Amino acid sequence: MRWFLNSYFQIGLGALLVTASELLMKVGATAQHGNIGVFGIAALGSIDTWIGIILYCVSFASWIYVLRSVPLGIAYSLINIVHVLIPLGCWIFLGEVIPPQRWVGIALVLAGLLLVIQPVAAVERKLEKPA
């Protein structure tokens, strides 16, 4: 249970929940087969949309938990993994095409995340060692 309460685990969980949420809301929004109504309100008739909304709310609770112990600059940088996960999810589950420019962008986001993670990991290692 202790691993579940780890803030960095919660960042990853939150990113996965947001990704699933966005994919489900996309499915729900397009399930109306062209009858989207005013501002897409008809999508609220889809169970996929509602599950997506619930997952988004759960991810919000996870995010609030993270913000209690991780500096916002670090947490926000790490949660940006969603900019990788959502396009990959769209490609894998929805059959959307990812153009070469987007692949380059995904690689740049991953490189940026690695730059952020390295100093954080070093600080965490120092904190874990007994003095």
N, C-alpha and C. Protein backbone atom coordinates (compact mmCIF):
# COMPACT_ATOMS: atom_id res chain seq x y z
N MET A 1 0.82 -1.20 0.00
CA MET A 1 0.00 0.00 0.00
C MET A 1 0.86 1.26 0.00
N ARG A 2 2.05 1.16 0.60
CA ARG A 2 2.93 2.32 0.67
C ARG A 2 3.32 2.81 -0.72
N TRP A 3 3.58 1.89 -1.65
CA TRP A 3 3.94 2.27 -3.01
C TRP A 3 2.80 3.04 -3.68
N PHE A 4 1.56 2.70 -3.35
CA PHE A 4 0.40 3.37 -3.95
C PHE A 4 0.34 4.83 -3.52
N LEU A 5 0.79 5.12 -2.31
CA LEU A 5 0.76 6.48 -1.80
C LEU A 5 1.99 7.29 -2.19
N ASN A 6 2.92 6.68 -2.89
CA ASN A 6 4.10 7.39 -3.38
C ASN A 6 3.66 8.44 -4.40
N SER A 7 4.10 9.66 -4.21
CA SER A 7 3.67 10.76 -5.08
C SER A 7 4.06 10.53 -6.54
N TYR A 8 5.22 9.94 -6.77
CA TYR A 8 5.64 9.72 -8.15
C TYR A 8 4.82 8.60 -8.80
N PHE A 9 4.43 7.61 -8.02
CA PHE A 9 3.50 6.60 -8.54
C PHE A 9 2.17 7.27 -8.90
N GLN A 10 1.73 8.19 -8.05
CA GLN A 10 0.47 8.89 -8.29
C GLN A 10 0.54 9.76 -9.55
N ILE A 11 1.70 10.34 -9.83
CA ILE A 11 1.86 11.10 -11.07
C ILE A 11 1.66 10.17 -12.27
N GLY A 12 2.29 9.00 -12.22
CA GLY A 12 2.12 8.03 -13.31
C GLY A 12 0.69 7.55 -13.43
N LEU A 13 0.07 7.25 -12.29
CA LEU A 13 -1.32 6.81 -12.29
C LEU A 13 -2.22 7.91 -12.85
N GLY A 14 -1.99 9.13 -12.41
CA GLY A 14 -2.78 10.26 -12.91
C GLY A 14 -2.64 10.42 -14.42
N ALA A 15 -1.42 10.25 -14.93
CA ALA A 15 -1.20 10.36 -16.37
C ALA A 15 -1.95 9.27 -17.12
N LEU A 16 -1.94 8.05 -16.59
CA LEU A 16 -2.68 6.96 -17.23
C LEU A 16 -4.18 7.20 -17.17
N LEU A 17 -4.67 7.73 -16.05
CA LEU A 17 -6.09 8.02 -15.92
C LEU A 17 -6.53 9.12 -16.89
N VAL A 18 -5.72 10.16 -17.01
CA VAL A 18 -6.05 11.24 -17.95
C VAL A 18 -6.04 10.70 -19.38
N THR A 19 -5.07 9.87 -19.70
CA THR A 19 -5.01 9.29 -21.05
C THR A 19 -6.25 8.46 -21.34
N ALA A 20 -6.61 7.58 -20.42
CA ALA A 20 -7.82 6.76 -20.61
C ALA A 20 -9.05 7.64 -20.70
N SER A 21 -9.09 8.67 -19.88
CA SER A 21 -10.21 9.60 -19.88
C SER A 21 -10.38 10.26 -21.24
N GLU A 22 -9.29 10.79 -21.76
CA GLU A 22 -9.35 11.49 -23.05
C GLU A 22 -9.77 10.54 -24.18
N LEU A 23 -9.23 9.32 -24.16
CA LEU A 23 -9.60 8.34 -25.19
C LEU A 23 -11.08 8.00 -25.11
N LEU A 24 -11.58 7.78 -23.89
CA LEU A 24 -13.00 7.45 -23.73
C LEU A 24 -13.90 8.61 -24.12
N MET A 25 -13.50 9.83 -23.78
CA MET A 25 -14.33 10.98 -24.16
C MET A 25 -14.34 11.17 -25.67
N LYS A 26 -13.22 10.87 -26.33
CA LYS A 26 -13.18 10.92 -27.80
C LYS A 26 -14.14 9.90 -28.39
N VAL A 27 -14.11 8.69 -27.85
CA VAL A 27 -15.02 7.63 -28.33
C VAL A 27 -16.47 8.06 -28.10
N GLY A 28 -16.74 8.59 -26.91
CA GLY A 28 -18.10 9.03 -26.61
C GLY A 28 -18.55 10.19 -27.48
N ALA A 29 -17.64 11.10 -27.77
CA ALA A 29 -17.99 12.27 -28.59
C ALA A 29 -18.27 11.90 -30.04
N THR A 30 -17.62 10.85 -30.52
CA THR A 30 -17.81 10.46 -31.92
C THR A 30 -18.84 9.34 -32.07
N ALA A 31 -19.36 8.81 -30.99
CA ALA A 31 -20.33 7.71 -31.05
C ALA A 31 -21.69 8.17 -31.55
N GLN A 32 -21.91 9.45 -31.62
CA GLN A 32 -23.22 9.96 -32.02
C GLN A 32 -23.40 9.96 -33.54
N HIS A 33 -22.39 9.49 -34.28
CA HIS A 33 -22.46 9.35 -35.73
C HIS A 33 -22.93 10.62 -36.43
N GLY A 34 -22.28 11.70 -36.12
CA GLY A 34 -22.56 12.95 -36.80
C GLY A 34 -23.61 13.79 -36.12
N ASN A 35 -24.43 13.23 -35.25
CA ASN A 35 -25.46 13.99 -34.55
C ASN A 35 -24.86 14.51 -33.24
N ILE A 36 -24.03 15.54 -33.36
CA ILE A 36 -23.32 16.01 -32.18
C ILE A 36 -24.10 17.05 -31.40
N GLY A 37 -25.16 17.59 -31.97
CA GLY A 37 -25.94 18.58 -31.25
C GLY A 37 -25.17 19.86 -31.02
N VAL A 38 -25.71 20.72 -30.18
CA VAL A 38 -25.06 21.98 -29.88
C VAL A 38 -23.84 21.73 -29.00
N PHE A 39 -22.68 22.14 -29.46
CA PHE A 39 -21.43 22.01 -28.72
C PHE A 39 -21.11 20.57 -28.33
N GLY A 40 -21.65 19.60 -29.01
CA GLY A 40 -21.34 18.21 -28.70
C GLY A 40 -22.01 17.68 -27.45
N ILE A 41 -23.04 18.36 -26.98
CA ILE A 41 -23.74 17.96 -25.75
C ILE A 41 -24.30 16.54 -25.88
N ALA A 42 -24.63 16.11 -27.08
CA ALA A 42 -25.18 14.77 -27.28
C ALA A 42 -24.20 13.69 -26.82
N ALA A 43 -22.90 14.01 -26.74
CA ALA A 43 -21.92 13.04 -26.28
C ALA A 43 -22.18 12.62 -24.85
N LEU A 44 -22.91 13.44 -24.10
CA LEU A 44 -23.23 13.08 -22.72
C LEU A 44 -24.17 11.89 -22.64
N GLY A 45 -24.71 11.48 -23.76
CA GLY A 45 -25.56 10.29 -23.81
C GLY A 45 -24.75 9.00 -23.92
N SER A 46 -23.45 9.12 -24.01
CA SER A 46 -22.59 7.94 -24.17
C SER A 46 -21.98 7.54 -22.82
N ILE A 47 -22.03 6.27 -22.53
CA ILE A 47 -21.42 5.75 -21.30
C ILE A 47 -19.91 5.96 -21.33
N ASP A 48 -19.32 5.91 -22.53
CA ASP A 48 -17.88 6.14 -22.65
C ASP A 48 -17.51 7.54 -22.16
N THR A 49 -18.33 8.52 -22.50
CA THR A 49 -18.09 9.89 -22.06
C THR A 49 -18.14 9.96 -20.53
N TRP A 50 -19.12 9.34 -19.94
CA TRP A 50 -19.27 9.39 -18.48
C TRP A 50 -18.14 8.67 -17.75
N ILE A 51 -17.72 7.54 -18.28
CA ILE A 51 -16.58 6.85 -17.67
C ILE A 51 -15.33 7.74 -17.79
N GLY A 52 -15.18 8.38 -18.94
CA GLY A 52 -14.06 9.31 -19.12
C GLY A 52 -14.09 10.45 -18.12
N ILE A 53 -15.28 11.00 -17.87
CA ILE A 53 -15.43 12.09 -16.90
C ILE A 53 -15.07 11.61 -15.50
N ILE A 54 -15.52 10.42 -15.15
CA ILE A 54 -15.22 9.86 -13.82
C ILE A 54 -13.71 9.64 -13.67
N LEU A 55 -13.08 9.08 -14.70
CA LEU A 55 -11.64 8.87 -14.63
C LEU A 55 -10.89 10.19 -14.52
N TYR A 56 -11.39 11.20 -15.19
CA TYR A 56 -10.77 12.51 -15.12
C TYR A 56 -10.86 13.06 -13.69
N CYS A 57 -12.01 12.87 -13.06
CA CYS A 57 -12.18 13.32 -11.67
C CYS A 57 -11.26 12.56 -10.72
N VAL A 58 -11.09 11.26 -10.94
CA VAL A 58 -10.18 10.48 -10.11
C VAL A 58 -8.74 10.96 -10.32
N SER A 59 -8.39 11.27 -11.56
CA SER A 59 -7.04 11.78 -11.82
C SER A 59 -6.83 13.13 -11.14
N PHE A 60 -7.88 13.93 -11.06
CA PHE A 60 -7.80 15.22 -10.38
C PHE A 60 -7.51 15.01 -8.89
N ALA A 61 -8.16 14.04 -8.27
CA ALA A 61 -7.91 13.73 -6.86
C ALA A 61 -6.46 13.28 -6.67
N SER A 62 -5.96 12.47 -7.59
CA SER A 62 -4.58 12.03 -7.54
C SER A 62 -3.63 13.22 -7.66
N TRP A 63 -3.96 14.14 -8.54
CA TRP A 63 -3.13 15.33 -8.76
C TRP A 63 -3.07 16.20 -7.50
N ILE A 64 -4.19 16.37 -6.84
CA ILE A 64 -4.23 17.15 -5.59
C ILE A 64 -3.34 16.48 -4.55
N TYR A 65 -3.38 15.15 -4.48
CA TYR A 65 -2.53 14.41 -3.55
C TYR A 65 -1.05 14.66 -3.86
N VAL A 66 -0.70 14.63 -5.13
CA VAL A 66 0.69 14.85 -5.55
C VAL A 66 1.16 16.24 -5.15
N LEU A 67 0.31 17.23 -5.35
CA LEU A 67 0.72 18.62 -5.09
C LEU A 67 1.01 18.88 -3.62
N ARG A 68 0.58 18.00 -2.74
CA ARG A 68 0.87 18.16 -1.32
C ARG A 68 2.33 17.91 -1.00
N SER A 69 3.02 17.11 -1.84
CA SER A 69 4.39 16.72 -1.48
C SER A 69 5.44 16.94 -2.57
N VAL A 70 5.04 17.22 -3.77
CA VAL A 70 6.00 17.41 -4.86
C VAL A 70 5.92 18.87 -5.32
N PRO A 71 7.05 19.53 -5.50
CA PRO A 71 7.01 20.89 -6.01
C PRO A 71 6.28 20.95 -7.35
N LEU A 72 5.48 21.97 -7.53
CA LEU A 72 4.66 22.09 -8.73
C LEU A 72 5.49 22.05 -10.01
N GLY A 73 6.64 22.70 -10.01
CA GLY A 73 7.48 22.72 -11.20
C GLY A 73 7.91 21.33 -11.64
N ILE A 74 8.17 20.46 -10.67
CA ILE A 74 8.56 19.09 -10.98
C ILE A 74 7.34 18.27 -11.36
N ALA A 75 6.28 18.35 -10.56
CA ALA A 75 5.07 17.57 -10.82
C ALA A 75 4.50 17.89 -12.20
N TYR A 76 4.43 19.18 -12.51
CA TYR A 76 3.86 19.59 -13.80
C TYR A 76 4.72 19.11 -14.95
N SER A 77 6.03 19.17 -14.77
CA SER A 77 6.92 18.67 -15.82
C SER A 77 6.70 17.18 -16.06
N LEU A 78 6.57 16.41 -14.98
CA LEU A 78 6.42 14.96 -15.11
C LEU A 78 5.05 14.55 -15.66
N ILE A 79 4.01 15.29 -15.30
CA ILE A 79 2.67 14.92 -15.77
C ILE A 79 2.54 15.13 -17.28
N ASN A 80 3.48 15.87 -17.85
CA ASN A 80 3.45 16.10 -19.29
C ASN A 80 3.70 14.85 -20.11
N ILE A 81 3.93 13.73 -19.45
CA ILE A 81 4.02 12.45 -20.16
C ILE A 81 2.71 12.18 -20.91
N VAL A 82 1.63 12.84 -20.51
CA VAL A 82 0.36 12.66 -21.23
C VAL A 82 0.48 13.11 -22.68
N HIS A 83 1.43 14.02 -22.96
CA HIS A 83 1.63 14.47 -24.35
C HIS A 83 2.28 13.39 -25.20
N VAL A 84 2.73 12.34 -24.55
CA VAL A 84 3.24 11.16 -25.24
C VAL A 84 2.17 10.07 -25.23
N LEU A 85 1.57 9.85 -24.07
CA LEU A 85 0.61 8.75 -23.92
C LEU A 85 -0.66 8.93 -24.75
N ILE A 86 -1.19 10.13 -24.80
CA ILE A 86 -2.44 10.34 -25.54
C ILE A 86 -2.26 10.10 -27.03
N PRO A 87 -1.26 10.69 -27.69
CA PRO A 87 -1.10 10.36 -29.11
C PRO A 87 -0.85 8.87 -29.35
N LEU A 88 -0.06 8.23 -28.48
CA LEU A 88 0.17 6.80 -28.65
C LEU A 88 -1.13 6.01 -28.46
N GLY A 89 -1.93 6.41 -27.47
CA GLY A 89 -3.22 5.75 -27.26
C GLY A 89 -4.14 5.93 -28.46
N CYS A 90 -4.14 7.12 -29.03
CA CYS A 90 -4.97 7.38 -30.22
C CYS A 90 -4.51 6.52 -31.39
N TRP A 91 -3.23 6.36 -31.51
CA TRP A 91 -2.66 5.56 -32.59
C TRP A 91 -2.99 4.08 -32.40
N ILE A 92 -2.80 3.59 -31.17
CA ILE A 92 -3.00 2.16 -30.89
C ILE A 92 -4.48 1.79 -30.85
N PHE A 93 -5.29 2.56 -30.12
CA PHE A 93 -6.67 2.17 -29.86
C PHE A 93 -7.69 2.78 -30.82
N LEU A 94 -7.38 3.95 -31.37
CA LEU A 94 -8.35 4.61 -32.24
C LEU A 94 -7.94 4.60 -33.70
N GLY A 95 -6.76 4.10 -33.98
CA GLY A 95 -6.30 4.00 -35.35
C GLY A 95 -5.95 5.34 -35.99
N GLU A 96 -5.70 6.34 -35.16
CA GLU A 96 -5.34 7.65 -35.71
C GLU A 96 -3.90 7.60 -36.22
N VAL A 97 -3.64 8.41 -37.23
CA VAL A 97 -2.31 8.48 -37.83
C VAL A 97 -1.47 9.51 -37.07
N ILE A 98 -0.24 9.15 -36.81
CA ILE A 98 0.69 10.09 -36.20
C ILE A 98 1.70 10.48 -37.28
N PRO A 99 1.64 11.73 -37.73
CA PRO A 99 2.57 12.17 -38.77
C PRO A 99 4.01 12.27 -38.24
N PRO A 100 4.98 12.26 -39.14
CA PRO A 100 6.38 12.30 -38.72
C PRO A 100 6.71 13.48 -37.78
N GLN A 101 6.12 14.63 -38.03
CA GLN A 101 6.37 15.79 -37.17
C GLN A 101 5.95 15.50 -35.73
N ARG A 102 4.83 14.82 -35.57
CA ARG A 102 4.34 14.49 -34.23
C ARG A 102 5.28 13.51 -33.55
N TRP A 103 5.82 12.53 -34.31
CA TRP A 103 6.78 11.59 -33.73
C TRP A 103 8.01 12.34 -33.21
N VAL A 104 8.45 13.35 -33.96
CA VAL A 104 9.59 14.16 -33.51
C VAL A 104 9.21 14.89 -32.22
N GLY A 105 8.00 15.44 -32.18
CA GLY A 105 7.53 16.12 -30.97
C GLY A 105 7.47 15.18 -29.77
N ILE A 106 6.98 13.98 -29.99
CA ILE A 106 6.92 12.98 -28.92
C ILE A 106 8.33 12.68 -28.41
N ALA A 107 9.27 12.52 -29.33
CA ALA A 107 10.66 12.26 -28.93
C ALA A 107 11.22 13.43 -28.13
N LEU A 108 10.90 14.66 -28.52
CA LEU A 108 11.39 15.83 -27.79
C LEU A 108 10.79 15.91 -26.39
N VAL A 109 9.51 15.58 -26.27
CA VAL A 109 8.87 15.56 -24.94
C VAL A 109 9.55 14.52 -24.06
N LEU A 110 9.80 13.34 -24.62
CA LEU A 110 10.49 12.30 -23.84
C LEU A 110 11.89 12.75 -23.42
N ALA A 111 12.60 13.40 -24.32
CA ALA A 111 13.94 13.90 -23.98
C ALA A 111 13.85 14.93 -22.86
N GLY A 112 12.87 15.81 -22.93
CA GLY A 112 12.67 16.80 -21.88
C GLY A 112 12.34 16.17 -20.55
N LEU A 113 11.51 15.14 -20.58
CA LEU A 113 11.18 14.43 -19.34
C LEU A 113 12.41 13.77 -18.72
N LEU A 114 13.26 13.22 -19.56
CA LEU A 114 14.49 12.61 -19.04
C LEU A 114 15.39 13.66 -18.39
N LEU A 115 15.42 14.85 -18.97
CA LEU A 115 16.21 15.93 -18.37
C LEU A 115 15.66 16.34 -17.00
N VAL A 116 14.35 16.30 -16.85
CA VAL A 116 13.72 16.67 -15.58
C VAL A 116 13.88 15.55 -14.56
N ILE A 117 13.76 14.32 -15.00
CA ILE A 117 13.78 13.18 -14.09
C ILE A 117 15.15 12.96 -13.46
N GLN A 118 16.22 13.16 -14.21
CA GLN A 118 17.57 12.88 -13.70
C GLN A 118 17.88 13.65 -12.41
N PRO A 119 17.71 14.97 -12.37
CA PRO A 119 18.01 15.67 -11.11
C PRO A 119 17.07 15.27 -9.97
N VAL A 120 15.81 15.00 -10.29
CA VAL A 120 14.85 14.58 -9.27
C VAL A 120 15.27 13.25 -8.68
N ALA A 121 15.67 12.32 -9.53
CA ALA A 121 16.10 11.01 -9.05
C ALA A 121 17.35 11.14 -8.18
N ALA A 122 18.26 12.02 -8.55
CA ALA A 122 19.48 12.22 -7.75
C ALA A 122 19.13 12.75 -6.36
N VAL A 123 18.23 13.70 -6.28
CA VAL A 123 17.81 14.25 -4.99
C VAL A 123 17.12 13.17 -4.15
N GLU A 124 16.25 12.39 -4.78
CA GLU A 124 15.56 11.31 -4.07
C GLU A 124 16.56 10.30 -3.50
N ARG A 125 17.58 9.96 -4.26
CA ARG A 125 18.59 9.01 -3.78
C ARG A 125 19.33 9.57 -2.57
N LYS A 126 19.65 10.86 -2.61
CA LYS A 126 20.33 11.49 -1.48
C LYS A 126 19.45 11.50 -0.23
N LEU A 127 18.16 11.72 -0.42
CA LEU A 127 17.24 11.74 0.72
C LEU A 127 17.05 10.37 1.34
N GLU A 128 17.16 9.33 0.53
CA GLU A 128 16.96 7.97 1.03
C GLU A 128 18.17 7.45 1.81
N LYS A 129 19.37 7.96 1.53
CA LYS A 129 20.57 7.48 2.22
C LYS A 129 20.61 8.03 3.63
N PRO A 130 20.90 7.16 4.60
CA PRO A 130 21.02 7.65 5.97
C PRO A 130 22.26 8.54 6.11
N ALA A 131 22.15 9.56 6.92
CA ALA A 131 23.27 10.51 7.08
C ALA A 131 24.38 9.96 7.94
